[in-house]
């Protein structure tokens, strides 16, 4: 399983995060954005055009790269920058 974080959660970043959730061999482990309006919210709360078929995502958006990357066995392998 490849662990992924998404940095930048505008419309394209949200679409990237949703694409990661749709792939069985990928695991979304972190979300990062500098917008204080998004920090603390989930991907679902920031998605302006949610698709009812999308897998729910309860990860919270952070401003901390260290928090988004994680540590130990949950540390991200890949970052998608948008």
Protein backbone atom coordinates (compact mmCIF):
# COMPACT_ATOMS: atom_id res chain seq x y z
CA UNK A 1 0.00 0.00 0.00
CA UNK A 2 1.37 3.41 -0.97
CA UNK A 3 0.58 6.13 1.58
CA UNK A 4 -0.19 9.55 0.07
CA UNK A 5 -0.68 13.11 1.29
CA UNK A 6 -2.25 15.91 -0.77
CA UNK A 7 -0.91 19.44 -0.39
CA UNK A 8 -3.25 22.19 -1.56
CA UNK A 9 -6.98 21.52 -1.37
CA UNK A 10 -8.58 23.73 -3.95
CA UNK A 11 -10.82 22.05 -6.53
CA UNK A 12 -7.94 20.19 -8.21
CA UNK A 13 -6.38 19.08 -4.92
CA UNK A 14 -9.76 17.79 -3.74
CA UNK A 15 -10.13 15.86 -7.02
CA UNK A 16 -6.63 14.40 -6.50
CA UNK A 17 -7.52 13.32 -2.96
CA UNK A 18 -10.73 11.70 -4.23
CA UNK A 19 -8.73 9.88 -6.93
CA UNK A 20 -6.37 8.52 -4.26
CA UNK A 21 -9.35 7.28 -2.25
CA UNK A 22 -10.63 5.45 -5.34
CA UNK A 23 -7.41 3.46 -5.83
CA UNK A 24 -7.15 0.22 -3.85
CA UNK A 25 -3.32 0.31 -3.77
CA UNK A 26 -3.21 3.88 -2.40
CA UNK A 27 -4.03 5.11 1.11
CA UNK A 28 -4.73 8.78 1.81
CA UNK A 29 -2.94 9.57 5.08
CA UNK A 30 -2.75 13.37 5.17
CA UNK A 31 -4.22 16.63 3.88
CA UNK A 32 -2.42 19.98 4.02
CA UNK A 33 -3.53 23.51 3.17
CA UNK A 34 -2.49 26.99 4.31
CA UNK A 35 -6.03 28.43 4.10
CA UNK A 36 -7.18 28.97 7.71
CA UNK A 37 -10.80 28.52 6.54
CA UNK A 38 -9.98 24.88 5.60
CA UNK A 39 -7.73 23.88 8.50
CA UNK A 40 -9.51 21.50 10.87
CA UNK A 41 -12.17 20.58 8.32
CA UNK A 42 -12.46 17.24 6.57
CA UNK A 43 -12.15 16.68 2.84
CA UNK A 44 -15.91 16.13 2.73
CA UNK A 45 -16.55 19.50 4.39
CA UNK A 46 -14.38 21.34 1.84
CA UNK A 47 -15.75 19.64 -1.26
CA UNK A 48 -18.08 22.17 -2.91
CA UNK A 49 -19.45 19.61 -5.36
CA UNK A 50 -19.60 16.31 -3.49
CA UNK A 51 -20.51 13.17 -5.39
CA UNK A 52 -22.83 10.92 -3.37
CA UNK A 53 -20.87 7.91 -4.70
CA UNK A 54 -17.56 9.18 -3.24
CA UNK A 55 -16.02 7.27 -0.38
CA UNK A 56 -16.31 9.36 2.81
CA UNK A 57 -13.07 10.91 4.04
CA UNK A 58 -12.79 11.86 7.69
CA UNK A 59 -9.16 13.06 7.63
CA UNK A 60 -8.77 16.59 8.93
CA UNK A 61 -6.83 19.22 7.02
CA UNK A 62 -3.75 20.58 8.75
CA UNK A 63 -1.29 23.44 8.17
CA UNK A 64 1.60 21.36 9.52
CA UNK A 65 3.65 19.42 6.99
CA UNK A 66 5.01 17.24 9.80
CA UNK A 67 1.47 16.37 10.89
CA UNK A 68 0.34 15.65 7.32
CA UNK A 69 3.35 13.41 6.60
CA UNK A 70 2.83 11.43 9.80
CA UNK A 71 5.36 9.16 11.46
CA UNK A 72 6.32 5.53 11.89
CA UNK A 73 4.19 2.98 10.06
CA UNK A 74 1.70 5.65 8.94
CA UNK A 75 4.31 7.98 7.38
CA UNK A 76 3.52 9.06 3.82
CA UNK A 77 5.52 7.69 0.90
CA UNK A 78 4.29 10.25 -1.68
CA UNK A 79 3.03 13.85 -1.73
CA UNK A 80 0.79 15.28 -4.42
CA UNK A 81 1.32 19.03 -4.67
CA UNK A 82 -1.38 21.20 -6.16
